[in-house]
């Protein structure tokens, strides 16, 4: 090998060593403390009120862990109660597990059952394995199989889009329905 090749090889090696030696230290690896919940609750129950003093959302869970850096609550056996603008209970949703991102949305997973609580509710029971609640746009969404029932019909389909304030739901794909005569 030529002298020039040895020189470039040596300079490259020196640059590599200098880069490793003088590179800035990255952020510290996450510690065990970073994975610990900020609080744990058993038998959680809370109700949120609007500016008029009327309830607009209730939450219950057998067990909950809150993580402040993520603004997220993980729950076991959650129950979410949604109220109409005049403070009447409108929907009761429960599931095996759930996540609430503070003030933004909620996700319920496993044996999700929703019950329409108003006397004139179009949907009496909603059943699925996965349900998203968008609190900003007042929407329900699912991409899984969904069953809807009332005294007047039963419907099944895949995927759901609904609006909470208008009490409407739409099955998106492979819809089948049976209507009953009163």
C-alpha atoms as a PDB file:
ATOM      1  CA  UNK A   1       0.000   0.000   0.000  1.00  0.00           C
ATOM      2  CA  UNK A   2       1.082   3.473  -0.671  1.00  0.00           C
ATOM      3  CA  UNK A   3       2.026   5.983   1.908  1.00  0.00           C
ATOM      4  CA  UNK A   4      -0.939   8.162   0.889  1.00  0.00           C
ATOM      5  CA  UNK A   5      -3.423   5.320   1.600  1.00  0.00           C
ATOM      6  CA  UNK A   6      -1.917   4.813   5.060  1.00  0.00           C
ATOM      7  CA  UNK A   7      -2.156   8.555   5.711  1.00  0.00           C
ATOM      8  CA  UNK A   8      -5.847   8.762   4.723  1.00  0.00           C
ATOM      9  CA  UNK A   9      -6.621   5.623   6.741  1.00  0.00           C
ATOM     10  CA  UNK A  10      -4.884   7.113   9.804  1.00  0.00           C
ATOM     11  CA  UNK A  11      -6.709  10.444   9.408  1.00  0.00           C
ATOM     12  CA  UNK A  12     -10.029   8.612   9.087  1.00  0.00           C
ATOM     13  CA  UNK A  13      -9.315   6.575  12.215  1.00  0.00           C
ATOM     14  CA  UNK A  14      -8.272   9.727  14.145  1.00  0.00           C
ATOM     15  CA  UNK A  15     -11.455  11.524  13.026  1.00  0.00           C
ATOM     16  CA  UNK A  16     -13.573   8.547  14.136  1.00  0.00           C
ATOM     17  CA  UNK A  17     -11.902   8.485  17.568  1.00  0.00           C
ATOM     18  CA  UNK A  18     -12.286  12.270  17.943  1.00  0.00           C
ATOM     19  CA  UNK A  19     -15.951  12.076  16.966  1.00  0.00           C
ATOM     20  CA  UNK A  20     -16.632   9.394  19.592  1.00  0.00           C
ATOM     21  CA  UNK A  21     -14.622  11.224  22.237  1.00  0.00           C
ATOM     22  CA  UNK A  22     -16.105  14.703  21.761  1.00  0.00           C
ATOM     23  CA  UNK A  23     -19.696  13.921  20.727  1.00  0.00           C
ATOM     24  CA  UNK A  24     -22.313  15.498  23.002  1.00  0.00           C
ATOM     25  CA  UNK A  25     -24.018  13.205  25.456  1.00  0.00           C
ATOM     26  CA  UNK A  26     -27.552  12.332  24.384  1.00  0.00           C
ATOM     27  CA  UNK A  27     -30.528  12.417  26.664  1.00  0.00           C
ATOM     28  CA  UNK A  28     -30.321  10.113  29.629  1.00  0.00           C
ATOM     29  CA  UNK A  29     -31.958   6.765  29.063  1.00  0.00           C
ATOM     30  CA  UNK A  30     -35.424   6.550  30.552  1.00  0.00           C
ATOM     31  CA  UNK A  31     -35.316   5.517  34.150  1.00  0.00           C
ATOM     32  CA  UNK A  32     -37.660   3.199  35.993  1.00  0.00           C
ATOM     33  CA  UNK A  33     -39.335   6.311  37.466  1.00  0.00           C
ATOM     34  CA  UNK A  34     -40.427   7.462  33.983  1.00  0.00           C
ATOM     35  CA  UNK A  35     -42.644   4.379  33.673  1.00  0.00           C
ATOM     36  CA  UNK A  36     -44.380   4.764  37.029  1.00  0.00           C
ATOM     37  CA  UNK A  37     -47.941   6.183  37.113  1.00  0.00           C
ATOM     38  CA  UNK A  38     -48.407   9.536  38.812  1.00  0.00           C
ATOM     39  CA  UNK A  39     -51.360   8.118  40.705  1.00  0.00           C
ATOM     40  CA  UNK A  40     -53.329   4.891  40.972  1.00  0.00           C
ATOM     41  CA  UNK A  41     -57.024   4.753  41.814  1.00  0.00           C
ATOM     42  CA  UNK A  42     -59.272   1.857  42.767  1.00  0.00           C
ATOM     43  CA  UNK A  43     -63.016   2.332  42.563  1.00  0.00           C
ATOM     44  CA  UNK A  44     -62.614   5.566  40.589  1.00  0.00           C
ATOM     45  CA  UNK A  45     -65.759   7.675  40.124  1.00  0.00           C
ATOM     46  CA  UNK A  46     -65.907  11.232  38.802  1.00  0.00           C
ATOM     47  CA  UNK A  47     -68.348  13.595  37.097  1.00  0.00           C
ATOM     48  CA  UNK A  48     -67.393  16.650  35.051  1.00  0.00           C
ATOM     49  CA  UNK A  49     -69.712  19.652  34.896  1.00  0.00           C
ATOM     50  CA  UNK A  50     -70.093  22.354  32.242  1.00  0.00           C
ATOM     51  CA  UNK A  51     -70.141  26.116  32.883  1.00  0.00           C
ATOM     52  CA  UNK A  52     -73.872  25.994  33.655  1.00  0.00           C
ATOM     53  CA  UNK A  53     -73.281  23.444  36.405  1.00  0.00           C
ATOM     54  CA  UNK A  54     -74.851  20.588  34.431  1.00  0.00           C
ATOM     55  CA  UNK A  55     -73.087  17.234  34.161  1.00  0.00           C
ATOM     56  CA  UNK A  56     -71.605  16.434  30.755  1.00  0.00           C
ATOM     57  CA  UNK A  57     -69.343  13.403  31.382  1.00  0.00           C
ATOM     58  CA  UNK A  58     -68.980  10.782  34.076  1.00  0.00           C
ATOM     59  CA  UNK A  59     -66.263   8.185  34.529  1.00  0.00           C
ATOM     60  CA  UNK A  60     -66.015   5.064  36.644  1.00  0.00           C
ATOM     61  CA  UNK A  61     -63.348   2.370  36.692  1.00  0.00           C
ATOM     62  CA  UNK A  62     -62.413  -0.520  38.943  1.00  0.00           C
ATOM     63  CA  UNK A  63     -58.746   0.408  38.543  1.00  0.00           C
ATOM     64  CA  UNK A  64     -57.000   3.374  36.888  1.00  0.00           C
ATOM     65  CA  UNK A  65     -53.427   4.603  36.403  1.00  0.00           C
ATOM     66  CA  UNK A  66     -52.737   8.210  35.406  1.00  0.00           C
ATOM     67  CA  UNK A  67     -49.533   9.229  33.572  1.00  0.00           C
ATOM     68  CA  UNK A  68     -49.069  13.003  33.674  1.00  0.00           C
ATOM     69  CA  UNK A  69     -46.310  13.305  31.005  1.00  0.00           C
ATOM     70  CA  UNK A  70     -48.643  11.558  28.548  1.00  0.00           C
ATOM     71  CA  UNK A  71     -51.892  13.139  29.851  1.00  0.00           C
ATOM     72  CA  UNK A  72     -53.304   9.623  29.712  1.00  0.00           C
ATOM     73  CA  UNK A  73     -55.288   7.379  32.031  1.00  0.00           C
ATOM     74  CA  UNK A  74     -55.268   3.582  31.640  1.00  0.00           C
ATOM     75  CA  UNK A  75     -58.351   1.885  33.085  1.00  0.00           C
ATOM     76  CA  UNK A  76     -59.727  -1.551  33.849  1.00  0.00           C
ATOM     77  CA  UNK A  77     -63.514  -2.054  33.606  1.00  0.00           C
ATOM     78  CA  UNK A  78     -64.207   1.569  32.617  1.00  0.00           C
ATOM     79  CA  UNK A  79     -67.708   3.025  32.410  1.00  0.00           C
ATOM     80  CA  UNK A  80     -68.201   6.353  30.624  1.00  0.00           C
ATOM     81  CA  UNK A  81     -71.494   8.187  31.085  1.00  0.00           C
ATOM     82  CA  UNK A  82     -72.232  10.907  28.532  1.00  0.00           C
ATOM     83  CA  UNK A  83     -74.900  13.537  29.160  1.00  0.00           C
ATOM     84  CA  UNK A  84     -77.058  15.569  26.763  1.00  0.00           C
ATOM     85  CA  UNK A  85     -76.623  19.382  26.721  1.00  0.00           C
ATOM     86  CA  UNK A  86     -79.521  19.718  29.197  1.00  0.00           C
ATOM     87  CA  UNK A  87     -77.802  17.382  31.706  1.00  0.00           C
ATOM     88  CA  UNK A  88     -79.801  14.192  31.029  1.00  0.00           C
ATOM     89  CA  UNK A  89     -77.904  10.877  30.869  1.00  0.00           C
ATOM     90  CA  UNK A  90     -77.598  10.046  27.151  1.00  0.00           C
ATOM     91  CA  UNK A  91     -75.098   7.148  26.742  1.00  0.00           C
ATOM     92  CA  UNK A  92     -73.567   4.614  29.120  1.00  0.00           C
ATOM     93  CA  UNK A  93     -70.494   2.888  27.629  1.00  0.00           C
ATOM     94  CA  UNK A  94     -68.532   0.143  29.337  1.00  0.00           C
ATOM     95  CA  UNK A  95     -65.676  -2.147  28.337  1.00  0.00           C
ATOM     96  CA  UNK A  96     -62.983  -4.425  29.706  1.00  0.00           C
ATOM     97  CA  UNK A  97     -60.154  -1.884  29.251  1.00  0.00           C
ATOM     98  CA  UNK A  98     -59.888   1.750  28.297  1.00  0.00           C
ATOM     99  CA  UNK A  99     -57.613   4.707  27.738  1.00  0.00           C
ATOM    100  CA  UNK A 100     -58.572   8.339  28.147  1.00  0.00           C
ATOM    101  CA  UNK A 101     -56.371  11.082  26.747  1.00  0.00           C
ATOM    102  CA  UNK A 102     -57.232  14.094  28.877  1.00  0.00           C
ATOM    103  CA  UNK A 103     -59.916  16.249  27.268  1.00  0.00           C
ATOM    104  CA  UNK A 104     -59.364  14.742  23.836  1.00  0.00           C
ATOM    105  CA  UNK A 105     -60.570  11.186  23.292  1.00  0.00           C
ATOM    106  CA  UNK A 106     -61.135   7.769  24.808  1.00  0.00           C
ATOM    107  CA  UNK A 107     -60.669   4.242  23.521  1.00  0.00           C
ATOM    108  CA  UNK A 108     -62.543   1.269  24.949  1.00  0.00           C
ATOM    109  CA  UNK A 109     -61.496  -2.302  24.162  1.00  0.00           C
ATOM    110  CA  UNK A 110     -62.992  -5.721  24.898  1.00  0.00           C
ATOM    111  CA  UNK A 111     -66.703  -6.456  25.285  1.00  0.00           C
ATOM    112  CA  UNK A 112     -67.715  -2.839  24.706  1.00  0.00           C
ATOM    113  CA  UNK A 113     -71.419  -2.252  25.340  1.00  0.00           C
ATOM    114  CA  UNK A 114     -73.136   1.091  24.878  1.00  0.00           C
ATOM    115  CA  UNK A 115     -76.669   1.805  26.042  1.00  0.00           C
ATOM    116  CA  UNK A 116     -78.796   4.694  24.845  1.00  0.00           C
ATOM    117  CA  UNK A 117     -80.431   6.093  27.983  1.00  0.00           C
ATOM    118  CA  UNK A 118     -82.865   8.676  26.601  1.00  0.00           C
ATOM    119  CA  UNK A 119     -86.472   7.490  26.174  1.00  0.00           C
ATOM    120  CA  UNK A 120     -86.457   8.339  22.441  1.00  0.00           C
ATOM    121  CA  UNK A 121     -82.991   6.861  21.734  1.00  0.00           C
ATOM    122  CA  UNK A 122     -82.698   5.342  18.262  1.00  0.00           C
ATOM    123  CA  UNK A 123     -80.085   2.875  19.511  1.00  0.00           C
ATOM    124  CA  UNK A 124     -80.882   0.974  22.664  1.00  0.00           C
ATOM    125  CA  UNK A 125     -77.749  -1.210  22.684  1.00  0.00           C
ATOM    126  CA  UNK A 126     -74.452  -1.005  20.800  1.00  0.00           C
ATOM    127  CA  UNK A 127     -72.001  -3.912  21.058  1.00  0.00           C
ATOM    128  CA  UNK A 128     -68.445  -4.162  19.681  1.00  0.00           C
ATOM    129  CA  UNK A 129     -64.889  -5.110  20.653  1.00  0.00           C
ATOM    130  CA  UNK A 130     -63.381  -1.657  20.007  1.00  0.00           C
ATOM    131  CA  UNK A 131     -64.816   1.863  20.267  1.00  0.00           C
ATOM    132  CA  UNK A 132     -63.255   5.322  20.016  1.00  0.00           C
ATOM    133  CA  UNK A 133     -64.903   8.402  21.507  1.00  0.00           C
ATOM    134  CA  UNK A 134     -63.845  11.756  20.104  1.00  0.00           C
ATOM    135  CA  UNK A 135     -64.799  14.332  22.753  1.00  0.00           C
ATOM    136  CA  UNK A 136     -63.843  17.327  20.601  1.00  0.00           C
ATOM    137  CA  UNK A 137     -66.117  16.403  17.661  1.00  0.00           C
ATOM    138  CA  UNK A 138     -68.646  14.405  19.758  1.00  0.00           C
ATOM    139  CA  UNK A 139     -68.194  11.282  17.621  1.00  0.00           C
ATOM    140  CA  UNK A 140     -68.132   7.521  18.112  1.00  0.00           C
ATOM    141  CA  UNK A 141     -65.975   5.400  15.797  1.00  0.00           C
ATOM    142  CA  UNK A 142     -65.136   1.756  15.375  1.00  0.00           C
ATOM    143  CA  UNK A 143     -63.456  -0.308  12.676  1.00  0.00           C
ATOM    144  CA  UNK A 144     -64.611  -3.660  14.054  1.00  0.00           C
ATOM    145  CA  UNK A 145     -67.843  -5.646  13.884  1.00  0.00           C
ATOM    146  CA  UNK A 146     -70.728  -3.750  15.486  1.00  0.00           C
ATOM    147  CA  UNK A 147     -74.211  -4.838  16.541  1.00  0.00           C
ATOM    148  CA  UNK A 148     -77.020  -2.325  17.112  1.00  0.00           C
ATOM    149  CA  UNK A 149     -80.383  -3.175  18.618  1.00  0.00           C
ATOM    150  CA  UNK A 150     -83.621  -1.557  19.678  1.00  0.00           C
ATOM    151  CA  UNK A 151     -87.218  -2.794  20.033  1.00  0.00           C
ATOM    152  CA  UNK A 152     -87.742  -1.920  16.339  1.00  0.00           C
ATOM    153  CA  UNK A 153     -84.647  -3.393  14.650  1.00  0.00           C
ATOM    154  CA  UNK A 154     -81.391  -5.282  14.901  1.00  0.00           C
ATOM    155  CA  UNK A 155     -78.447  -4.358  12.685  1.00  0.00           C
ATOM    156  CA  UNK A 156     -74.924  -5.667  12.208  1.00  0.00           C
ATOM    157  CA  UNK A 157     -72.028  -4.321  10.222  1.00  0.00           C
ATOM    158  CA  UNK A 158     -68.363  -3.585  10.170  1.00  0.00           C
ATOM    159  CA  UNK A 159     -67.253  -0.109  11.159  1.00  0.00           C
ATOM    160  CA  UNK A 160     -69.280   2.602  12.845  1.00  0.00           C
ATOM    161  CA  UNK A 161     -69.450   6.380  12.725  1.00  0.00           C
ATOM    162  CA  UNK A 162     -71.823   8.166  15.064  1.00  0.00           C
ATOM    163  CA  UNK A 163     -72.494  11.603  16.477  1.00  0.00           C
ATOM    164  CA  UNK A 164     -73.255  11.842  20.162  1.00  0.00           C
ATOM    165  CA  UNK A 165     -75.168  15.121  20.192  1.00  0.00           C
ATOM    166  CA  UNK A 166     -77.445  14.106  17.286  1.00  0.00           C
ATOM    167  CA  UNK A 167     -77.766  10.497  18.518  1.00  0.00           C
ATOM    168  CA  UNK A 168     -77.088   9.061  15.060  1.00  0.00           C
ATOM    169  CA  UNK A 169     -74.970   6.088  14.088  1.00  0.00           C
ATOM    170  CA  UNK A 170     -74.000   4.730  10.697  1.00  0.00           C
ATOM    171  CA  UNK A 171     -72.730   1.236  10.023  1.00  0.00           C
ATOM    172  CA  UNK A 172     -70.086   1.582   7.318  1.00  0.00           C
ATOM    173  CA  UNK A 173     -69.563  -1.836   5.671  1.00  0.00           C
ATOM    174  CA  UNK A 174     -71.308  -5.196   5.221  1.00  0.00           C
ATOM    175  CA  UNK A 175     -74.500  -3.993   6.870  1.00  0.00           C
ATOM    176  CA  UNK A 176     -77.369  -6.397   7.597  1.00  0.00           C
ATOM    177  CA  UNK A 177     -80.543  -5.362   9.369  1.00  0.00           C
ATOM    178  CA  UNK A 178     -83.841  -6.871  10.480  1.00  0.00           C
ATOM    179  CA  UNK A 179     -86.798  -4.595  11.221  1.00  0.00           C
ATOM    180  CA  UNK A 180     -89.732  -5.588  13.418  1.00  0.00           C
ATOM    181  CA  UNK A 181     -93.361  -4.475  12.983  1.00  0.00           C
ATOM    182  CA  UNK A 182     -94.765  -2.991  16.177  1.00  0.00           C
END
